[in-house]
C-alpha atoms as a PDB file:
ATOM      1  CA  UNK A   1     105.118  95.168   4.203  1.00  0.00           C
ATOM      2  CA  UNK A   2     101.810  97.019   3.755  1.00  0.00           C
ATOM      3  CA  UNK A   3     101.133  96.853   7.508  1.00  0.00           C
ATOM      4  CA  UNK A   4     104.495  98.561   8.167  1.00  0.00           C
ATOM      5  CA  UNK A   5     103.513 101.335   5.766  1.00  0.00           C
ATOM      6  CA  UNK A   6     100.153 101.788   7.519  1.00  0.00           C
ATOM      7  CA  UNK A   7     101.826 101.890  10.920  1.00  0.00           C
ATOM      8  CA  UNK A   8     104.340 104.420   9.587  1.00  0.00           C
ATOM      9  CA  UNK A   9     101.566 106.630   8.219  1.00  0.00           C
ATOM     10  CA  UNK A  10      99.711 106.564  11.570  1.00  0.00           C
ATOM     11  CA  UNK A  11     102.881 107.469  13.515  1.00  0.00           C
ATOM     12  CA  UNK A  12     103.715 110.161  10.986  1.00  0.00           C
ATOM     13  CA  UNK A  13     100.271 111.752  11.307  1.00  0.00           C
ATOM     14  CA  UNK A  14     100.486 111.612  15.126  1.00  0.00           C
ATOM     15  CA  UNK A  15     103.919 113.276  15.056  1.00  0.00           C
ATOM     16  CA  UNK A  16     102.658 115.977  12.681  1.00  0.00           C
ATOM     17  CA  UNK A  17      99.597 116.726  14.841  1.00  0.00           C
ATOM     18  CA  UNK A  18     101.503 116.844  18.124  1.00  0.00           C
ATOM     19  CA  UNK A  19     104.356 118.943  16.742  1.00  0.00           C
ATOM     20  CA  UNK A  20     101.958 121.795  15.968  1.00  0.00           C
ATOM     21  CA  UNK A  21     100.359 121.799  19.447  1.00  0.00           C
ATOM     22  CA  UNK A  22     100.822 124.755  21.771  1.00  0.00           C
ATOM     23  CA  UNK A  23     102.138 123.283  25.034  1.00  0.00           C
ATOM     24  CA  UNK A  24     101.130 126.346  27.102  1.00  0.00           C
ATOM     25  CA  UNK A  25      97.354 125.825  26.607  1.00  0.00           C
ATOM     26  CA  UNK A  26      95.022 122.933  25.962  1.00  0.00           C
ATOM     27  CA  UNK A  27      94.929 122.038  22.315  1.00  0.00           C
ATOM     28  CA  UNK A  28      91.211 121.251  22.236  1.00  0.00           C
ATOM     29  CA  UNK A  29      88.543 121.943  24.823  1.00  0.00           C
ATOM     30  CA  UNK A  30      85.942 119.228  24.937  1.00  0.00           C
ATOM     31  CA  UNK A  31      83.443 121.309  26.955  1.00  0.00           C
ATOM     32  CA  UNK A  32      84.677 124.892  26.975  1.00  0.00           C
ATOM     33  CA  UNK A  33      81.968 126.099  29.368  1.00  0.00           C
ATOM     34  CA  UNK A  34      83.627 124.007  32.093  1.00  0.00           C
ATOM     35  CA  UNK A  35      86.868 125.970  31.634  1.00  0.00           C
ATOM     36  CA  UNK A  36      85.392 129.386  30.957  1.00  0.00           C
ATOM     37  CA  UNK A  37      82.210 129.608  32.979  1.00  0.00           C
ATOM     38  CA  UNK A  38      79.660 132.311  32.461  1.00  0.00           C
ATOM     39  CA  UNK A  39      79.668 134.640  35.448  1.00  0.00           C
ATOM     40  CA  UNK A  40      76.095 135.596  36.226  1.00  0.00           C
ATOM     41  CA  UNK A  41      75.365 138.655  38.312  1.00  0.00           C
ATOM     42  CA  UNK A  42      72.577 137.953  40.806  1.00  0.00           C
ATOM     43  CA  UNK A  43      70.250 140.748  39.695  1.00  0.00           C
ATOM     44  CA  UNK A  44      71.112 140.929  36.020  1.00  0.00           C
ATOM     45  CA  UNK A  45      68.413 140.663  33.400  1.00  0.00           C
ATOM     46  CA  UNK A  46      67.737 137.172  32.170  1.00  0.00           C
ATOM     47  CA  UNK A  47      65.331 135.638  29.727  1.00  0.00           C
ATOM     48  CA  UNK A  48      65.486 132.323  31.610  1.00  0.00           C
ATOM     49  CA  UNK A  49      62.826 133.408  34.118  1.00  0.00           C
ATOM     50  CA  UNK A  50      59.435 135.058  33.736  1.00  0.00           C
ATOM     51  CA  UNK A  51      60.254 138.018  35.940  1.00  0.00           C
ATOM     52  CA  UNK A  52      63.427 138.724  33.934  1.00  0.00           C
ATOM     53  CA  UNK A  53      65.818 138.585  36.911  1.00  0.00           C
ATOM     54  CA  UNK A  54      68.575 136.002  37.403  1.00  0.00           C
ATOM     55  CA  UNK A  55      68.234 135.730  41.236  1.00  0.00           C
ATOM     56  CA  UNK A  56      65.133 133.846  42.315  1.00  0.00           C
ATOM     57  CA  UNK A  57      63.552 133.237  45.706  1.00  0.00           C
ATOM     58  CA  UNK A  58      63.507 129.658  47.036  1.00  0.00           C
ATOM     59  CA  UNK A  59      60.381 127.641  46.372  1.00  0.00           C
ATOM     60  CA  UNK A  60      57.656 128.080  48.968  1.00  0.00           C
ATOM     61  CA  UNK A  61      57.961 125.548  51.773  1.00  0.00           C
ATOM     62  CA  UNK A  62      61.615 124.706  51.068  1.00  0.00           C
ATOM     63  CA  UNK A  63      64.058 124.336  53.967  1.00  0.00           C
ATOM     64  CA  UNK A  64      67.825 124.519  54.156  1.00  0.00           C
ATOM     65  CA  UNK A  65      69.670 121.226  53.908  1.00  0.00           C
ATOM     66  CA  UNK A  66      70.302 119.785  57.347  1.00  0.00           C
ATOM     67  CA  UNK A  67      67.777 122.126  59.014  1.00  0.00           C
ATOM     68  CA  UNK A  68      64.515 120.863  60.437  1.00  0.00           C
ATOM     69  CA  UNK A  69      61.593 123.200  61.023  1.00  0.00           C
ATOM     70  CA  UNK A  70      60.570 123.707  64.645  1.00  0.00           C
ATOM     71  CA  UNK A  71      56.801 123.753  65.105  1.00  0.00           C
ATOM     72  CA  UNK A  72      56.561 125.637  68.386  1.00  0.00           C
ATOM     73  CA  UNK A  73      56.415 129.449  68.202  1.00  0.00           C
ATOM     74  CA  UNK A  74      58.535 131.818  70.279  1.00  0.00           C
ATOM     75  CA  UNK A  75      55.675 132.701  72.633  1.00  0.00           C
ATOM     76  CA  UNK A  76      54.670 131.789  76.161  1.00  0.00           C
ATOM     77  CA  UNK A  77      52.050 129.437  74.692  1.00  0.00           C
ATOM     78  CA  UNK A  78      54.715 127.827  72.486  1.00  0.00           C
ATOM     79  CA  UNK A  79      56.982 127.398  75.511  1.00  0.00           C
ATOM     80  CA  UNK A  80      54.200 125.759  77.540  1.00  0.00           C
ATOM     81  CA  UNK A  81      53.212 123.506  74.618  1.00  0.00           C
ATOM     82  CA  UNK A  82      56.846 122.401  74.122  1.00  0.00           C
ATOM     83  CA  UNK A  83      57.200 121.841  77.858  1.00  0.00           C
ATOM     84  CA  UNK A  84      54.137 119.583  77.883  1.00  0.00           C
ATOM     85  CA  UNK A  85      54.501 117.729  74.576  1.00  0.00           C
ATOM     86  CA  UNK A  86      58.030 117.789  73.135  1.00  0.00           C
ATOM     87  CA  UNK A  87      60.181 114.708  73.700  1.00  0.00           C
ATOM     88  CA  UNK A  88      63.727 113.899  72.677  1.00  0.00           C
ATOM     89  CA  UNK A  89      64.111 111.951  69.434  1.00  0.00           C
ATOM     90  CA  UNK A  90      67.604 110.698  70.348  1.00  0.00           C
ATOM     91  CA  UNK A  91      68.265 107.003  69.920  1.00  0.00           C
ATOM     92  CA  UNK A  92      68.321 105.176  73.250  1.00  0.00           C
ATOM     93  CA  UNK A  93      71.173 102.917  72.099  1.00  0.00           C
ATOM     94  CA  UNK A  94      73.682 105.794  72.073  1.00  0.00           C
ATOM     95  CA  UNK A  95      72.910 107.248  75.499  1.00  0.00           C
ATOM     96  CA  UNK A  96      76.521 107.265  76.694  1.00  0.00           C
ATOM     97  CA  UNK A  97      77.857 108.868  73.513  1.00  0.00           C
ATOM     98  CA  UNK A  98      75.047 111.442  73.462  1.00  0.00           C
ATOM     99  CA  UNK A  99      75.608 112.245  77.135  1.00  0.00           C
ATOM    100  CA  UNK A 100      79.366 112.676  76.590  1.00  0.00           C
ATOM    101  CA  UNK A 101      78.775 115.002  73.646  1.00  0.00           C
ATOM    102  CA  UNK A 102      76.092 116.857  75.612  1.00  0.00           C
ATOM    103  CA  UNK A 103      78.510 117.353  78.514  1.00  0.00           C
ATOM    104  CA  UNK A 104      81.172 118.668  76.129  1.00  0.00           C
ATOM    105  CA  UNK A 105      78.765 121.115  74.481  1.00  0.00           C
ATOM    106  CA  UNK A 106      77.327 122.181  77.860  1.00  0.00           C
ATOM    107  CA  UNK A 107      80.872 122.988  78.977  1.00  0.00           C
ATOM    108  CA  UNK A 108      81.407 125.136  75.889  1.00  0.00           C
ATOM    109  CA  UNK A 109      78.115 127.028  75.690  1.00  0.00           C
ATOM    110  CA  UNK A 110      76.256 126.752  78.995  1.00  0.00           C
ATOM    111  CA  UNK A 111      78.510 126.282  82.015  1.00  0.00           C
ATOM    112  CA  UNK A 112      79.912 129.810  81.854  1.00  0.00           C
ATOM    113  CA  UNK A 113      76.528 130.999  83.173  1.00  0.00           C
ATOM    114  CA  UNK A 114      74.790 127.878  84.535  1.00  0.00           C
ATOM    115  CA  UNK A 115      77.872 126.361  86.192  1.00  0.00           C
ATOM    116  CA  UNK A 116      79.373 122.927  85.641  1.00  0.00           C
ATOM    117  CA  UNK A 117      76.755 121.329  87.910  1.00  0.00           C
ATOM    118  CA  UNK A 118      73.750 123.315  86.657  1.00  0.00           C
ATOM    119  CA  UNK A 119      73.513 125.150  89.966  1.00  0.00           C
ATOM    120  CA  UNK A 120      73.447 128.619  88.390  1.00  0.00           C
ATOM    121  CA  UNK A 121      76.917 129.466  89.676  1.00  0.00           C
ATOM    122  CA  UNK A 122      78.935 129.842  86.487  1.00  0.00           C
ATOM    123  CA  UNK A 123      81.939 132.095  86.059  1.00  0.00           C
ATOM    124  CA  UNK A 124      79.891 135.035  84.776  1.00  0.00           C
ATOM    125  CA  UNK A 125      77.439 134.748  87.675  1.00  0.00           C
ATOM    126  CA  UNK A 126      80.279 134.673  90.223  1.00  0.00           C
ATOM    127  CA  UNK A 127      81.740 137.802  88.597  1.00  0.00           C
ATOM    128  CA  UNK A 128      78.257 139.373  88.772  1.00  0.00           C
ATOM    129  CA  UNK A 129      78.055 139.886  85.002  1.00  0.00           C
ATOM    130  CA  UNK A 130      74.676 138.089  84.958  1.00  0.00           C
ATOM    131  CA  UNK A 131      72.383 137.660  87.905  1.00  0.00           C
ATOM    132  CA  UNK A 132      69.368 135.428  88.401  1.00  0.00           C
ATOM    133  CA  UNK A 133      70.632 132.404  86.469  1.00  0.00           C
ATOM    134  CA  UNK A 134      68.444 129.563  87.746  1.00  0.00           C
ATOM    135  CA  UNK A 135      69.521 126.443  89.533  1.00  0.00           C
ATOM    136  CA  UNK A 136      68.062 123.498  87.614  1.00  0.00           C
ATOM    137  CA  UNK A 137      66.903 121.911  90.891  1.00  0.00           C
ATOM    138  CA  UNK A 138      64.666 124.937  91.587  1.00  0.00           C
ATOM    139  CA  UNK A 139      62.857 124.820  88.226  1.00  0.00           C
ATOM    140  CA  UNK A 140      60.165 122.594  86.791  1.00  0.00           C
ATOM    141  CA  UNK A 141      61.819 121.773  83.498  1.00  0.00           C
ATOM    142  CA  UNK A 142      61.187 119.075  80.935  1.00  0.00           C
ATOM    143  CA  UNK A 143      63.076 117.992  77.839  1.00  0.00           C
ATOM    144  CA  UNK A 144      60.701 120.085  75.762  1.00  0.00           C
ATOM    145  CA  UNK A 145      61.126 123.254  77.825  1.00  0.00           C
ATOM    146  CA  UNK A 146      64.922 122.960  77.848  1.00  0.00           C
ATOM    147  CA  UNK A 147      65.034 122.399  74.083  1.00  0.00           C
ATOM    148  CA  UNK A 148      62.674 125.350  73.517  1.00  0.00           C
ATOM    149  CA  UNK A 149      64.850 127.653  75.631  1.00  0.00           C
ATOM    150  CA  UNK A 150      68.011 126.540  73.816  1.00  0.00           C
ATOM    151  CA  UNK A 151      66.255 127.146  70.490  1.00  0.00           C
ATOM    152  CA  UNK A 152      64.723 130.574  71.223  1.00  0.00           C
ATOM    153  CA  UNK A 153      66.331 131.751  74.452  1.00  0.00           C
ATOM    154  CA  UNK A 154      64.432 133.070  77.455  1.00  0.00           C
ATOM    155  CA  UNK A 155      64.785 136.108  79.721  1.00  0.00           C
ATOM    156  CA  UNK A 156      68.476 137.115  79.616  1.00  0.00           C
ATOM    157  CA  UNK A 157      69.564 133.958  77.812  1.00  0.00           C
ATOM    158  CA  UNK A 158      69.851 134.294  74.062  1.00  0.00           C
ATOM    159  CA  UNK A 159      69.128 131.665  71.454  1.00  0.00           C
ATOM    160  CA  UNK A 160      71.760 129.020  70.789  1.00  0.00           C
ATOM    161  CA  UNK A 161      70.058 127.659  67.664  1.00  0.00           C
ATOM    162  CA  UNK A 162      72.787 129.091  65.437  1.00  0.00           C
ATOM    163  CA  UNK A 163      75.587 127.488  67.460  1.00  0.00           C
ATOM    164  CA  UNK A 164      74.057 124.033  67.905  1.00  0.00           C
ATOM    165  CA  UNK A 165      72.386 121.863  65.304  1.00  0.00           C
ATOM    166  CA  UNK A 166      69.245 119.896  66.144  1.00  0.00           C
ATOM    167  CA  UNK A 167      71.023 116.772  67.404  1.00  0.00           C
ATOM    168  CA  UNK A 168      73.456 118.806  69.513  1.00  0.00           C
ATOM    169  CA  UNK A 169      70.567 120.748  71.089  1.00  0.00           C
ATOM    170  CA  UNK A 170      68.960 117.436  72.091  1.00  0.00           C
ATOM    171  CA  UNK A 171      72.276 116.158  73.462  1.00  0.00           C
ATOM    172  CA  UNK A 172      72.629 119.269  75.629  1.00  0.00           C
ATOM    173  CA  UNK A 173      68.991 118.887  76.684  1.00  0.00           C
ATOM    174  CA  UNK A 174      69.645 115.308  77.824  1.00  0.00           C
ATOM    175  CA  UNK A 175      72.694 116.431  79.782  1.00  0.00           C
ATOM    176  CA  UNK A 176      70.733 119.259  81.447  1.00  0.00           C
ATOM    177  CA  UNK A 177      68.072 116.759  82.514  1.00  0.00           C
ATOM    178  CA  UNK A 178      70.835 114.555  83.959  1.00  0.00           C
ATOM    179  CA  UNK A 179      72.219 117.542  85.895  1.00  0.00           C
ATOM    180  CA  UNK A 180      68.740 118.319  87.223  1.00  0.00           C
ATOM    181  CA  UNK A 181      68.407 114.718  88.393  1.00  0.00           C
ATOM    182  CA  UNK A 182      71.826 114.888  90.092  1.00  0.00           C
ATOM    183  CA  UNK A 183      70.913 118.154  91.883  1.00  0.00           C
ATOM    184  CA  UNK A 184      67.585 116.877  93.202  1.00  0.00           C
ATOM    185  CA  UNK A 185      69.073 113.710  94.778  1.00  0.00           C
END
């Protein structure tokens, strides 16, 4: 009999507590800062940092996630050094997949000027919008020089570093080297 009384008291208390709850809002917030966050202004004053400003510069030497620094400068010397020393880091077990992706990306970003075969006869060249686009067979190019030109651009060609990530640039480079080999046969 006493256990029935205890159970009744527990249910009675639960009914009393829930009957007073406001159904339109949470009754109790466990961590209110998760619901009502503090909106910081980037340049507001703050005692959290020594210089008194909320916005801080990144730590020296930090890089963006997914971005790898490129050690060759955008100079003629950097181009020649990349041409002589830079080699593709792509895995040799995925050659077919890398080549397929490189062909796809070449078709999107490069063939409009360089042509589908790398012969310098793309749509924009045929319409005389750009002149002097090289035929890959006529140039002494290496993986390093192609990657460097994709990264920084050269002559009339602009940089494609913002459009292609590091792996995609290497995939396009591999495809360009394949096109050069096909043109020189």
